[in-house]
Structures are given as C-alpha cells and as structure tokens.
N, C-alpha and C. Protein backbone atom coordinates (compact mmCIF):
# COMPACT_ATOMS: atom_id res chain seq x y z
N UNK A 1 79.26 111.32 80.31
CA UNK A 1 79.63 112.21 79.11
C UNK A 1 80.59 112.12 77.91
N UNK A 2 81.02 110.97 77.74
CA UNK A 2 81.84 110.24 76.64
C UNK A 2 80.60 110.41 75.38
N UNK A 3 79.95 109.81 75.52
CA UNK A 3 78.93 109.28 74.96
C UNK A 3 78.09 111.32 74.41
N UNK A 4 77.89 111.57 74.97
CA UNK A 4 77.41 113.20 74.91
C UNK A 4 77.73 113.93 73.97
N UNK A 5 79.05 113.97 73.62
CA UNK A 5 79.56 114.24 72.75
C UNK A 5 79.36 114.45 71.66
N UNK A 6 78.52 115.69 70.87
CA UNK A 6 78.51 115.72 69.44
C UNK A 6 79.17 116.81 68.43
N UNK A 7 78.73 116.92 67.45
CA UNK A 7 79.25 117.91 65.77
C UNK A 7 78.22 119.52 67.08
N UNK A 8 76.98 119.33 67.61
CA UNK A 8 76.98 119.31 68.03
C UNK A 8 76.63 120.60 69.63
N UNK A 9 77.16 119.28 70.43
CA UNK A 9 77.57 120.19 71.52
C UNK A 9 78.46 120.69 71.91
N UNK A 10 79.72 120.34 70.93
CA UNK A 10 81.03 121.55 70.62
C UNK A 10 80.10 122.04 69.75
N UNK A 11 79.34 122.83 69.06
CA UNK A 11 79.52 123.66 67.88
C UNK A 11 78.07 124.25 67.65
N UNK A 12 77.35 123.51 68.44
CA UNK A 12 76.16 123.82 68.12
C UNK A 12 74.92 124.42 67.43
N UNK A 13 76.44 123.27 66.28
CA UNK A 13 75.34 123.05 64.46
C UNK A 13 75.07 121.80 64.54
N UNK A 14 74.14 121.09 64.23
CA UNK A 14 73.61 119.64 63.60
C UNK A 14 74.32 118.96 63.22
N UNK A 15 75.14 118.95 62.63
CA UNK A 15 76.27 118.02 61.88
C UNK A 15 76.86 118.70 61.16
N UNK A 16 77.99 117.98 60.93
CA UNK A 16 79.40 118.01 59.29
C UNK A 16 79.91 117.02 59.36
N UNK A 17 79.49 117.13 57.79
CA UNK A 17 79.64 115.75 57.53
C UNK A 17 81.48 115.25 57.57
N UNK A 18 82.23 116.68 56.88
CA UNK A 18 83.30 116.70 56.86
C UNK A 18 83.89 116.15 58.70
N UNK A 19 83.44 115.90 60.00
CA UNK A 19 83.67 116.10 60.98
C UNK A 19 83.40 114.10 61.22
N UNK A 20 81.99 114.40 60.77
CA UNK A 20 81.75 112.57 60.75
C UNK A 20 82.41 111.33 59.62
N UNK A 21 82.88 112.13 58.83
CA UNK A 21 83.43 110.57 58.01
C UNK A 21 84.90 111.44 58.21
N UNK A 22 86.07 112.34 59.16
CA UNK A 22 87.40 112.08 60.02
C UNK A 22 87.10 111.25 60.61
N UNK A 23 85.71 111.44 61.23
CA UNK A 23 85.54 110.20 62.21
C UNK A 23 85.49 108.38 61.80
N UNK A 24 85.02 108.27 60.90
CA UNK A 24 84.72 106.85 60.89
C UNK A 24 86.27 106.19 60.46
N UNK A 25 87.30 107.32 59.47
CA UNK A 25 88.69 106.63 59.05
C UNK A 25 89.55 107.61 60.34
N UNK A 26 89.39 107.97 62.00
CA UNK A 26 89.75 108.47 61.88
C UNK A 26 91.51 107.75 62.90
N UNK A 27 91.37 106.40 62.55
CA UNK A 27 92.80 105.97 62.18
C UNK A 27 93.49 104.89 61.05
N UNK A 28 93.12 106.26 60.20
CA UNK A 28 93.74 105.36 59.08
C UNK A 28 93.88 107.16 58.17
N UNK A 29 94.52 107.30 56.90
CA UNK A 29 95.10 108.24 56.11
C UNK A 29 93.78 108.54 55.11
N UNK A 30 92.96 109.78 55.19
CA UNK A 30 91.68 110.30 54.87
C UNK A 30 91.52 111.65 54.06
N UNK A 31 91.41 112.01 53.13
CA UNK A 31 91.48 113.35 51.59
C UNK A 31 89.95 113.74 51.64
N UNK A 32 89.36 114.18 51.49
CA UNK A 32 88.60 115.06 51.26
C UNK A 32 88.75 116.20 50.70
N UNK A 33 87.46 115.81 49.39
CA UNK A 33 87.69 117.41 48.66
C UNK A 33 86.52 118.00 48.51
N UNK A 34 86.40 119.68 49.02
CA UNK A 34 85.33 120.45 49.23
C UNK A 34 84.92 121.84 48.86
N UNK A 35 84.06 122.19 48.87
CA UNK A 35 83.48 123.54 47.77
C UNK A 35 84.19 124.09 49.40
N UNK A 36 84.50 125.47 48.53
CA UNK A 36 85.29 126.22 49.47
C UNK A 36 83.83 127.54 50.35
N UNK A 37 84.21 127.66 51.25
CA UNK A 37 83.46 128.78 52.62
C UNK A 37 82.05 127.90 52.95
N UNK A 38 82.87 126.26 52.99
CA UNK A 38 81.91 125.51 54.27
C UNK A 38 81.84 125.56 55.21
N UNK A 39 82.85 125.76 56.09
CA UNK A 39 83.60 125.76 57.34
C UNK A 39 84.08 123.92 57.67
N UNK A 40 85.03 124.81 56.74
CA UNK A 40 86.14 123.70 56.85
C UNK A 40 87.06 123.68 58.42
N UNK A 41 87.18 125.10 59.24
CA UNK A 41 88.28 125.04 59.62
C UNK A 41 87.28 125.08 61.04
N UNK A 42 86.29 125.47 61.50
CA UNK A 42 85.44 124.74 62.76
C UNK A 42 85.07 122.88 62.12
N UNK A 43 84.98 122.23 61.31
CA UNK A 43 85.27 121.16 62.01
C UNK A 43 86.21 120.51 61.90
N UNK A 44 87.56 120.74 60.99
CA UNK A 44 88.57 120.49 61.51
C UNK A 44 88.98 120.68 63.44
N UNK A 45 88.18 122.26 63.26
CA UNK A 45 88.73 122.42 64.83
C UNK A 45 87.83 121.15 65.84
N UNK A 46 86.72 120.83 65.44
CA UNK A 46 85.67 120.02 66.52
C UNK A 46 86.64 118.96 66.56
N UNK A 47 86.86 118.24 65.77
CA UNK A 47 87.50 116.92 65.19
C UNK A 47 89.08 116.90 66.24
N UNK A 48 89.97 117.69 65.75
CA UNK A 48 90.65 117.93 67.47
C UNK A 48 90.62 117.84 68.89
N UNK A 49 89.62 118.68 69.16
CA UNK A 49 89.08 118.96 70.48
C UNK A 49 88.24 117.34 70.70
N UNK A 50 87.73 117.31 70.33
CA UNK A 50 86.63 115.94 70.08
C UNK A 50 87.83 114.61 70.35
N UNK A 51 89.01 114.81 69.59
CA UNK A 51 89.30 113.86 69.90
C UNK A 51 90.38 113.82 70.97
N UNK A 52 90.95 114.85 71.87
CA UNK A 52 91.84 115.20 72.54
C UNK A 52 89.64 114.52 74.24
N UNK A 53 89.31 115.71 74.09
CA UNK A 53 88.29 114.78 74.75
C UNK A 53 87.83 113.47 75.41
N UNK A 54 87.50 112.55 74.48
CA UNK A 54 87.73 111.73 74.03
C UNK A 54 88.89 110.21 75.04
N UNK A 55 90.20 111.03 74.15
CA UNK A 55 91.07 109.79 74.66
C UNK A 55 91.28 110.31 76.36
N UNK A 56 91.81 108.72 76.30
CA UNK A 56 92.28 108.59 78.28
C UNK A 56 93.48 108.52 78.33
N UNK A 57 93.99 109.60 77.40
CA UNK A 57 95.71 110.08 77.55
C UNK A 57 96.08 111.10 76.95
N UNK A 58 96.65 112.08 77.96
CA UNK A 58 97.02 113.04 77.26
C UNK A 58 97.14 113.37 75.59
N UNK A 59 96.94 113.60 74.44
CA UNK A 59 96.82 113.80 73.54
C UNK A 59 97.34 114.88 72.66
N UNK A 60 97.81 114.22 71.63
CA UNK A 60 98.82 116.00 70.71
C UNK A 60 98.29 115.74 68.99
N UNK A 61 97.19 116.71 68.53
CA UNK A 61 96.47 116.67 67.05
C UNK A 61 97.72 117.61 67.02
N UNK A 62 97.92 117.50 65.59
CA UNK A 62 98.88 118.73 64.53
C UNK A 62 97.93 119.45 63.65
N UNK A 63 98.08 119.69 63.78
CA UNK A 63 97.01 121.27 62.68
C UNK A 63 97.92 121.62 61.68
N UNK A 64 98.16 121.71 60.93
CA UNK A 64 99.13 122.04 58.91
C UNK A 64 98.05 123.21 58.23
N UNK A 65 98.55 124.23 57.48
CA UNK A 65 98.23 124.86 56.53
C UNK A 65 98.93 124.93 55.13
N UNK A 66 98.97 125.32 54.72
CA UNK A 66 99.64 126.78 53.91
C UNK A 66 100.69 127.33 54.36
N UNK A 67 102.15 128.05 54.33
CA UNK A 67 103.02 128.53 54.43
C UNK A 67 102.30 130.12 55.56
N UNK A 68 100.68 130.51 54.37
CA UNK A 68 100.06 131.77 55.30
C UNK A 68 99.44 131.85 55.68
N UNK A 69 99.92 131.11 57.48
CA UNK A 69 98.34 130.55 58.71
C UNK A 69 98.49 131.83 59.84
N UNK A 70 98.50 132.56 59.48
CA UNK A 70 98.30 133.40 60.90
C UNK A 70 96.47 133.69 60.86
N UNK A 71 96.16 133.52 59.81
CA UNK A 71 94.92 134.40 60.07
C UNK A 71 94.31 132.42 60.73
N UNK A 72 94.88 131.70 59.55
CA UNK A 72 94.18 130.36 59.85
C UNK A 72 93.83 130.05 61.58
N UNK A 73 95.07 130.03 62.34
CA UNK A 73 95.35 130.14 63.59
C UNK A 73 94.32 130.98 65.08
N UNK A 74 94.51 132.30 64.23
CA UNK A 74 93.68 132.83 65.29
C UNK A 74 92.02 132.83 65.19
N UNK A 75 91.57 132.20 63.90
CA UNK A 75 90.34 131.47 62.85
C UNK A 75 90.12 130.93 64.65
N UNK A 76 90.83 129.20 64.63
CA UNK A 76 91.25 128.03 64.90
C UNK A 76 90.76 127.80 66.68
N UNK A 77 92.31 129.07 66.96
CA UNK A 77 91.31 130.11 68.70
C UNK A 77 90.83 129.58 68.83
N UNK A 78 89.73 130.43 67.95
CA UNK A 78 88.90 131.39 68.35
C UNK A 78 87.43 129.75 68.78
N UNK A 79 87.05 129.36 67.55
CA UNK A 79 86.25 128.45 67.50
C UNK A 79 86.69 127.45 69.09
N UNK A 80 88.16 127.34 69.09
CA UNK A 80 88.93 126.30 70.06
C UNK A 80 87.52 126.87 71.39
N UNK A 81 88.16 128.42 71.21
CA UNK A 81 86.57 128.85 72.12
C UNK A 81 86.24 128.72 73.05
N UNK A 82 85.82 128.73 71.74
CA UNK A 82 83.50 129.02 71.68
C UNK A 82 83.26 127.40 72.04
N UNK A 83 84.16 126.64 71.42
CA UNK A 83 83.27 125.39 71.99
C UNK A 83 83.96 124.72 72.45
N UNK A 84 84.81 125.66 74.16
CA UNK A 84 84.95 124.85 74.84
C UNK A 84 84.03 125.66 76.16
N UNK A 85 83.95 127.08 75.54
CA UNK A 85 82.67 127.31 76.43
C UNK A 85 81.49 126.10 76.23
N UNK A 86 81.35 126.13 75.15
CA UNK A 86 80.36 125.12 74.60
C UNK A 86 79.62 123.81 75.75
N UNK A 87 80.54 123.14 75.13
CA UNK A 87 80.76 121.94 76.69
C UNK A 87 81.15 121.39 78.12
N UNK A 88 81.95 123.39 78.17
CA UNK A 88 81.16 123.92 80.12
C UNK A 88 80.34 124.13 80.36
N UNK A 89 79.37 124.21 79.48
CA UNK A 89 77.54 124.56 79.46
C UNK A 89 76.37 123.91 79.33
N UNK A 90 77.22 123.24 78.66
CA UNK A 90 76.87 121.26 78.42
C UNK A 90 77.07 120.89 79.57
N UNK A 91 77.89 120.29 80.20
CA UNK A 91 78.47 119.31 80.85
C UNK A 91 78.97 119.45 82.92
N UNK A 92 78.93 120.96 82.52
CA UNK A 92 79.27 121.47 84.48
C UNK A 92 80.90 120.75 84.06
N UNK A 93 81.91 121.07 83.28
CA UNK A 93 82.72 121.04 83.25
C UNK A 93 83.45 122.00 83.86
N UNK A 94 85.39 122.10 83.59
CA UNK A 94 85.84 122.91 84.28
C UNK A 94 87.23 123.34 83.21
N UNK A 95 86.74 123.04 81.91
CA UNK A 95 88.04 122.83 80.81
C UNK A 95 88.38 124.18 80.50
N UNK A 96 89.17 124.48 80.24
CA UNK A 96 90.33 125.85 79.70
C UNK A 96 91.08 124.87 78.70
N UNK A 97 91.46 126.63 77.86
CA UNK A 97 92.35 126.56 76.41
C UNK A 97 93.27 128.19 77.02
N UNK A 98 94.79 127.34 76.77
CA UNK A 98 95.83 128.60 76.51
C UNK A 98 96.27 128.34 75.80
N UNK A 99 96.69 129.29 74.47
CA UNK A 99 97.09 129.60 74.01
C UNK A 99 99.06 130.53 73.53
N UNK A 100 99.15 129.47 72.75
CA UNK A 100 100.31 130.30 72.51
C UNK A 100 100.92 130.60 71.30
N UNK A 101 102.10 130.81 70.51
CA UNK A 101 102.09 131.07 69.06
C UNK A 101 102.00 130.45 68.44
N UNK A 102 102.59 128.76 68.62
CA UNK A 102 102.23 127.99 67.75
C UNK A 102 102.15 126.58 68.69
N UNK A 103 100.33 126.99 69.71
CA UNK A 103 100.16 125.68 70.04
C UNK A 103 98.62 126.14 70.76
N UNK A 104 97.59 125.37 71.10
CA UNK A 104 96.86 125.67 72.03
C UNK A 104 96.67 124.24 73.28
N UNK A 105 96.39 124.91 74.10
CA UNK A 105 96.83 123.66 74.98
C UNK A 105 95.35 123.54 76.20
N UNK A 106 94.95 122.31 76.24
CA UNK A 106 93.57 122.38 76.39
C UNK A 106 93.81 121.26 78.24
N UNK A 107 93.44 122.46 78.85
CA UNK A 107 93.07 121.74 80.42
C UNK A 107 91.60 121.35 80.51
N UNK A 108 91.96 120.65 81.97
CA UNK A 108 90.26 119.80 82.95
C UNK A 108 91.18 121.02 84.10
N UNK A 109 90.60 121.16 84.67
CA UNK A 109 90.62 121.54 85.60
C UNK A 109 92.08 122.24 85.66
N UNK A 110 93.49 121.62 86.45
CA UNK A 110 94.66 121.96 86.53
C UNK A 110 95.40 120.48 85.12
N UNK A 111 94.86 120.38 85.04
CA UNK A 111 95.74 119.23 84.24
C UNK A 111 95.53 119.04 82.72
N UNK A 112 96.46 119.36 82.13
CA UNK A 112 97.00 119.01 80.66
C UNK A 112 96.11 118.08 80.36
N UNK A 113 95.32 117.87 79.39
CA UNK A 113 94.86 116.34 78.71
C UNK A 113 94.38 116.68 77.24
N UNK A 114 95.27 117.46 76.89
CA UNK A 114 96.15 118.08 75.34
C UNK A 114 96.67 118.95 74.59
N UNK A 115 97.16 118.74 73.82
CA UNK A 115 97.53 120.47 73.06
C UNK A 115 97.69 120.10 71.27
N UNK A 116 97.24 120.72 71.07
CA UNK A 116 97.13 121.00 69.98
C UNK A 116 98.53 122.23 69.10
N UNK A 117 99.01 121.42 68.32
CA UNK A 117 100.06 122.47 67.56
C UNK A 117 99.27 122.52 66.09
N UNK A 118 101.01 123.99 65.86
CA UNK A 118 99.69 124.69 64.62
C UNK A 118 101.62 124.27 63.88
N UNK A 119 101.18 124.11 62.32
CA UNK A 119 102.57 123.77 61.69
C UNK A 119 102.52 124.28 60.50
N UNK A 120 103.37 125.70 59.72
CA UNK A 120 103.26 125.70 58.71
C UNK A 120 103.65 123.68 57.50
N UNK A 121 102.94 124.24 56.16
CA UNK A 121 103.55 123.38 55.04
C UNK A 121 103.61 123.14 54.25
N UNK A 122 105.33 122.54 54.17
CA UNK A 122 106.26 123.87 53.83
C UNK A 122 108.04 122.92 54.48
N UNK A 123 108.04 122.73 53.20
CA UNK A 123 110.13 121.93 53.51
C UNK A 123 109.34 121.12 54.67
N UNK A 124 110.20 120.46 55.48
CA UNK A 124 110.09 119.10 56.74
C UNK A 124 109.88 119.78 57.84
N UNK A 125 108.63 120.87 57.24
CA UNK A 125 108.10 121.31 59.82
C UNK A 125 107.16 120.16 59.78
N UNK A 126 106.74 119.61 59.26
CA UNK A 126 106.11 118.37 60.12
C UNK A 126 106.77 116.63 59.99
N UNK A 127 108.25 117.08 59.72
CA UNK A 127 108.30 115.48 60.80
C UNK A 127 108.57 115.14 61.48
N UNK A 128 109.48 114.59 62.62
CA UNK A 128 108.79 114.29 64.08
C UNK A 128 107.25 114.42 64.34
N UNK A 129 106.80 114.09 63.53
CA UNK A 129 105.02 114.02 63.58
C UNK A 129 105.22 112.84 63.64
N UNK A 130 105.29 111.98 63.22
CA UNK A 130 104.80 110.92 62.74
C UNK A 130 104.00 109.70 63.67
N UNK A 131 104.62 109.92 64.89
CA UNK A 131 103.43 109.62 65.82
C UNK A 131 102.78 109.92 66.31
N UNK A 132 102.31 111.16 65.73
CA UNK A 132 100.96 111.68 66.17
C UNK A 132 100.29 112.32 65.01
N UNK A 133 98.20 112.51 65.28
CA UNK A 133 97.38 112.40 64.00
C UNK A 133 98.26 114.14 63.77
N UNK A 134 98.50 113.95 62.28
CA UNK A 134 98.35 114.93 61.30
C UNK A 134 97.33 115.77 60.21
N UNK A 135 96.32 117.57 60.71
CA UNK A 135 95.61 116.75 59.92
C UNK A 135 95.87 118.58 59.57
N UNK A 136 96.01 118.42 57.79
CA UNK A 136 95.83 119.27 56.59
C UNK A 136 94.78 120.12 56.40
N UNK A 137 95.19 121.02 56.12
CA UNK A 137 94.05 122.54 55.87
C UNK A 137 94.67 123.37 55.18
N UNK A 138 93.94 122.48 53.35
CA UNK A 138 94.63 123.06 52.72
C UNK A 138 92.89 123.91 51.49
N UNK A 139 92.44 124.12 52.37
CA UNK A 139 91.14 124.48 51.52
C UNK A 139 90.99 126.10 51.60
N UNK A 140 92.37 126.50 51.72
CA UNK A 140 92.30 128.34 51.04
C UNK A 140 92.97 128.23 50.15
N UNK A 141 94.32 127.70 50.30
CA UNK A 141 95.07 128.36 49.58
C UNK A 141 96.45 127.32 49.28
N UNK A 142 97.16 127.13 48.12
CA UNK A 142 97.84 125.88 48.12
C UNK A 142 98.74 126.10 46.61
N UNK A 143 100.25 126.05 46.82
CA UNK A 143 100.87 125.80 45.15
C UNK A 143 101.40 124.67 45.74
N UNK A 144 102.10 124.29 44.78
CA UNK A 144 103.37 122.68 43.99
C UNK A 144 104.01 122.54 45.65
N UNK A 145 104.63 123.16 46.46
CA UNK A 145 105.26 122.82 47.40
C UNK A 145 104.86 122.58 48.31
N UNK A 146 103.22 123.06 48.46
CA UNK A 146 102.22 121.83 49.48
C UNK A 146 102.20 121.18 49.17
N UNK A 147 101.61 120.59 48.26
CA UNK A 147 101.53 119.58 47.45
C UNK A 147 102.68 118.09 47.74
N UNK A 148 103.83 118.80 47.28
CA UNK A 148 104.82 117.99 48.11
C UNK A 148 105.44 118.02 49.08
N UNK A 149 104.95 119.02 50.25
CA UNK A 149 105.26 118.96 51.20
C UNK A 149 103.99 117.46 52.17
N UNK A 150 103.13 118.27 51.08
CA UNK A 150 102.25 117.08 51.59
C UNK A 150 101.99 116.00 51.04
N UNK A 151 102.56 114.88 50.48
CA UNK A 151 103.16 113.80 49.85
C UNK A 151 104.44 113.37 50.75
N UNK A 152 105.23 114.27 51.31
CA UNK A 152 106.48 113.81 51.46
C UNK A 152 105.83 113.14 53.29
N UNK A 153 104.94 114.19 53.93
CA UNK A 153 103.99 113.97 55.00
C UNK A 153 103.50 112.73 55.36
N UNK A 154 103.07 112.32 54.15
CA UNK A 154 102.08 110.89 54.13
C UNK A 154 103.01 109.79 54.03
N UNK A 155 104.13 110.06 53.33
CA UNK A 155 105.02 108.48 52.96
C UNK A 155 104.81 107.41 54.75
N UNK A 156 104.99 109.05 55.73
CA UNK A 156 106.41 108.84 57.27
C UNK A 156 104.96 108.90 58.08
N UNK A 157 104.44 110.06 57.76
CA UNK A 157 102.86 109.25 58.35
C UNK A 157 101.79 108.27 58.24
N UNK A 158 101.24 107.97 59.72
CA UNK A 158 99.76 106.68 58.75
C UNK A 158 98.77 107.55 58.86
N UNK A 159 98.65 108.12 59.94
CA UNK A 159 97.02 108.51 60.47
C UNK A 159 97.13 110.15 59.89
N UNK A 160 96.87 110.43 58.93
CA UNK A 160 97.34 111.71 58.66
C UNK A 160 95.41 112.11 57.61
N UNK A 161 94.36 113.35 57.63
CA UNK A 161 93.76 114.56 56.68
C UNK A 161 93.53 115.20 56.68
N UNK A 162 93.85 115.24 54.72
CA UNK A 162 93.12 116.42 54.20
C UNK A 162 92.59 116.80 53.73
N UNK A 163 92.28 118.60 53.92
CA UNK A 163 91.11 118.32 53.02
C UNK A 163 91.60 119.40 51.94
N UNK A 164 91.02 119.60 50.85
CA UNK A 164 91.31 120.34 49.54
C UNK A 164 90.28 120.61 49.12
N UNK A 165 90.49 122.26 48.79
CA UNK A 165 89.55 123.30 48.21
C UNK A 165 89.74 123.20 47.01
N UNK A 166 88.32 122.50 46.40
CA UNK A 166 88.08 122.31 44.84
C UNK A 166 88.74 123.44 43.92
N UNK A 167 88.75 124.90 44.33
CA UNK A 167 89.39 125.42 43.50
C UNK A 167 90.39 124.67 43.04
N UNK A 168 90.69 124.61 43.88
CA UNK A 168 92.47 124.10 43.79
C UNK A 168 93.06 122.77 43.19
N UNK A 169 91.87 123.29 42.05
CA UNK A 169 92.59 121.19 41.87
C UNK A 169 93.43 120.76 41.03
N UNK A 170 93.60 121.87 40.74
CA UNK A 170 94.37 122.28 39.08
C UNK A 170 95.64 120.70 38.78
N UNK A 171 95.75 120.49 40.40
CA UNK A 171 96.64 119.80 40.40
C UNK A 171 95.78 118.20 40.97
N UNK A 172 95.00 118.00 40.49
CA UNK A 172 94.69 116.64 40.38
C UNK A 172 94.89 115.37 39.93
N UNK A 173 95.73 115.22 39.19
CA UNK A 173 96.90 113.91 38.48
C UNK A 173 97.44 113.96 39.67
N UNK A 174 97.85 114.84 40.10
CA UNK A 174 98.25 113.78 41.92
C UNK A 174 98.28 113.48 42.76
N UNK A 175 96.90 114.08 42.97
CA UNK A 175 95.90 112.79 43.83
C UNK A 175 95.77 111.45 43.48
N UNK A 176 95.68 111.67 42.17
CA UNK A 176 95.97 110.39 41.45
C UNK A 176 96.95 109.29 42.13
N UNK A 177 97.52 109.79 43.51
CA UNK A 177 98.64 108.95 43.90
C UNK A 177 98.51 108.37 45.65
N UNK A 178 96.47 108.99 45.27
CA UNK A 178 96.16 108.54 46.34
C UNK A 178 94.91 107.55 46.37
N UNK A 179 95.09 106.34 46.99
CA UNK A 179 94.39 104.68 47.32
C UNK A 179 92.49 105.52 46.96
N UNK A 180 92.47 106.86 47.44
CA UNK A 180 91.08 107.04 47.86
C UNK A 180 90.89 108.18 48.27
N UNK A 181 90.34 108.91 47.25
CA UNK A 181 89.98 110.26 47.73
C UNK A 181 88.97 110.74 47.57
N UNK A 182 87.85 110.65 48.63
CA UNK A 182 86.25 111.62 48.83
C UNK A 182 85.50 113.03 48.48
N UNK A 183 85.33 113.00 47.24
CA UNK A 183 84.78 114.77 47.03
C UNK A 183 82.92 114.13 47.84
N UNK A 184 82.84 115.79 48.54
CA UNK A 184 82.36 116.16 49.00
C UNK A 184 81.35 117.48 48.32
N UNK A 185 79.76 116.50 47.74
CA UNK A 185 79.07 117.81 47.34
C UNK A 185 79.20 119.27 48.02
N UNK A 186 78.24 118.85 49.52
CA UNK A 186 77.90 120.17 50.46
C UNK A 186 78.06 119.28 51.69
N UNK A 187 78.24 120.32 53.19
CA UNK A 187 78.60 119.55 54.63
C UNK A 187 78.54 120.39 55.20
N UNK A 188 77.74 120.72 56.06
CA UNK A 188 77.93 121.85 57.67
C UNK A 188 76.35 122.95 57.29
N UNK A 189 76.36 124.38 57.36
CA UNK A 189 75.65 124.39 58.06
C UNK A 189 75.58 125.45 56.58
N UNK A 190 76.03 126.40 55.57
CA UNK A 190 76.33 127.19 54.95
C UNK A 190 75.95 126.77 53.62
N UNK A 191 75.31 127.53 52.65
CA UNK A 191 74.86 126.98 51.43
C UNK A 191 75.78 127.26 50.61
N UNK A 192 75.67 126.21 49.39
CA UNK A 192 76.87 126.63 47.89
C UNK A 192 76.51 126.58 46.74
N UNK A 193 77.24 127.16 46.07
CA UNK A 193 75.69 126.92 44.50
C UNK A 193 76.86 125.34 44.27
N UNK A 194 76.03 125.14 44.49
CA UNK A 194 76.28 123.27 43.57
C UNK A 194 76.21 122.74 42.91
N UNK A 195 75.64 123.79 41.98
CA UNK A 195 76.45 123.53 40.36
C UNK A 195 77.05 124.48 39.80
N UNK A 196 77.49 125.49 40.34
CA UNK A 196 78.64 126.21 40.18
C UNK A 196 79.91 124.74 40.79
N UNK A 197 79.94 124.55 41.23
CA UNK A 197 81.11 122.96 42.53
C UNK A 197 80.96 121.38 41.04
N UNK A 198 79.83 121.39 40.88
CA UNK A 198 79.28 120.08 40.12
C UNK A 198 80.44 120.51 38.91
N UNK A 199 79.61 122.16 38.34
CA UNK A 199 80.51 122.12 36.36
C UNK A 199 82.15 122.08 37.15
N UNK A 200 82.67 122.88 37.91
CA UNK A 200 84.11 122.84 38.27
C UNK A 200 84.37 121.09 38.20
N UNK A 201 84.46 120.45 39.11
CA UNK A 201 84.69 119.48 39.18
C UNK A 201 84.54 118.60 37.91
N UNK A 202 83.57 119.02 36.85
CA UNK A 202 83.58 118.28 35.81
C UNK A 202 85.03 118.33 35.01
N UNK A 203 84.88 119.78 34.85
CA UNK A 203 85.87 120.16 34.26
C UNK A 203 87.70 119.38 34.62
N UNK A 204 87.40 119.95 35.77
CA UNK A 204 88.54 119.44 36.57
C UNK A 204 88.88 117.94 35.94
N UNK A 205 87.75 117.05 36.87
CA UNK A 205 87.77 115.02 36.09
C UNK A 205 87.85 114.75 35.03
N UNK A 206 86.90 115.60 34.44
CA UNK A 206 87.06 115.07 33.29
C UNK A 206 85.27 113.60 33.91
N UNK A 207 84.68 113.73 32.65
CA UNK A 207 83.30 112.95 32.25
C UNK A 207 83.32 111.66 33.42
N UNK A 208 84.28 110.96 33.42
CA UNK A 208 84.79 109.52 34.07
C UNK A 208 84.18 109.44 35.43
N UNK A 209 86.05 110.46 35.93
CA UNK A 209 85.60 110.58 37.05
C UNK A 209 84.40 111.06 37.27
N UNK A 210 84.23 111.81 36.80
CA UNK A 210 83.08 113.10 37.63
C UNK A 210 81.73 111.45 37.88
N UNK A 211 81.74 111.39 37.44
CA UNK A 211 79.95 110.55 37.08
C UNK A 211 80.48 109.19 38.53
N UNK A 212 81.60 108.33 38.35
CA UNK A 212 81.89 107.82 39.57
C UNK A 212 82.78 108.70 40.60
N UNK A 213 82.92 109.46 40.96
CA UNK A 213 83.08 110.42 42.05
C UNK A 213 82.32 111.83 42.85
N UNK A 214 80.88 112.32 41.80
CA UNK A 214 80.48 112.79 41.84
C UNK A 214 78.40 112.76 42.14
N UNK A 215 78.55 111.76 41.03
CA UNK A 215 77.40 111.80 41.06
C UNK A 215 76.13 110.49 41.46
N UNK A 216 75.43 110.44 42.11
CA UNK A 216 74.69 109.08 42.60
C UNK A 216 73.55 108.53 41.78
N UNK A 217 74.33 107.39 41.28
CA UNK A 217 74.08 105.92 40.56
C UNK A 217 72.20 105.17 41.02
N UNK A 218 70.90 105.90 40.33
CA UNK A 218 69.86 105.62 40.30
C UNK A 218 70.16 103.76 41.12
N UNK A 219 69.37 103.87 42.06
CA UNK A 219 69.38 102.05 43.07
C UNK A 219 68.61 101.18 42.02
N UNK A 220 67.39 101.48 41.26
CA UNK A 220 66.59 101.37 39.98
C UNK A 220 67.06 101.35 38.73
N UNK A 221 67.10 101.90 38.48
CA UNK A 221 68.03 101.88 36.60
C UNK A 221 69.41 101.76 36.13
N UNK A 222 70.20 102.31 37.26
CA UNK A 222 71.62 102.40 37.27
C UNK A 222 71.77 104.07 36.62
N UNK A 223 70.97 104.79 36.53
CA UNK A 223 71.25 106.11 35.91
C UNK A 223 72.20 107.19 36.27
N UNK A 224 72.95 107.05 36.08
CA UNK A 224 73.71 109.02 37.26
C UNK A 224 72.86 110.13 37.62
N UNK A 225 73.14 110.69 38.60
CA UNK A 225 72.02 111.52 38.26
C UNK A 225 72.71 112.97 39.27
N UNK A 226 72.81 114.25 39.14
CA UNK A 226 73.90 114.68 40.13
C UNK A 226 72.77 115.15 41.40
N UNK A 227 73.53 115.38 42.72
CA UNK A 227 73.26 115.26 43.53
C UNK A 227 72.58 116.10 44.09
C-alpha cells in the first residue's frame, strides 16, 4: 500500500504543488509564498496524514497558525475525516480519526499510529516541540508577532514548513532572513487571477527579485517570461 498512497487517493484531486514540494523538503525547513484561496489547508492536511501513514513508528505532527485558529481547526478536522474515508475506500483499511479540542488522533484498528497537534502561533506555544515536524499555516492572517514567533520557532526546530499568503507580504524584509523562499504562482485545483498575483508580487519584491523568483527564463534566448 505504501507506494500507492498519493495526493489523489487522499483527496480525489490529481495533484498539489505545495504537497509535492513539502515532500521533497521533508527533512528540512521549507518556506513557500502562495496566492490566497488555493487549497492550502487541504494540502497541509494531506501532507501531515501522508507522513503518519508512511511512518513505521508512531508519528506526531504539529500544525500551527495565528491565534485566530478555531475555524482552521474545524476545517482541518473535516479534511482529515474525508481523507481517512478515501483511504479506507481505496485500500480496504480500518483507519479512524478521533478529535479532541487540540488534536486529531489517527488509529489503524485499535492502535494509535499518529497524532496531529494544533497549536496557535503566539508567544512560546510551540516550545517543547523541537523534535516534531511543525507546519505553520500563514495562508489567511498574520501580524508582526506571528512572524516573530515563526522566526523564534525556526531557531530551535530544524524540520519546519511555513506557508505564507502573498497578500500579507508587507513583512518581506523579514523573509530575507531565510536562506531560500519559494514563490508558487498556482497549485491544486482552484483558478486564481494570475495577473493580479504577479502584480502583487512585483510591488512587494521589486523588479529584480520579481524576475529572479517569479518569472521563467527562456531556455534559448535568456529572456524572462511570466508564468
């Protein structure tokens, strides 16, 4: 079964760029800037569940977001229930998920095989989880203190994924502290206004970084083109 678990079997959608990128960077810190409303929560949930199902040991994943996290938790729990149902239908398994106020516990038959812990991104709420993989979902809302909490977390956690809404990039100077930030113009199954997204990125990054991060360079003539 291991080799058959894909984004499609988890969600019924063909692919998600952010899901694939997080898998490629599975053991390292990864920061991505994405457009709004393109299925970020679903992609993060699929990644966390995938890691649990693939692990040979009991796995703990931490999903964090800014303090207004209640709606995100409810959405995440809904996605987990749907994904568990898909996996059971595809592979005839006996997986189940039990939710508490701050976690989702995944079982195979009666054995706990993993858990997803929900923590708000504020102050030191993520301290003590340095050995776990942490996913920070900044796809909806953030303030200065959320970026400061994120930077503090990165100092002691070597395996962290951060997904940031492009509309909130007034903090771009802070992102310069990261060794590598990926700008994804689109992914998953929703359409976006690509021109509006690239105009936003141009205003934020300036022409030189916009050309470096958000445009494709022609293979033969070396000229930049919009994606």
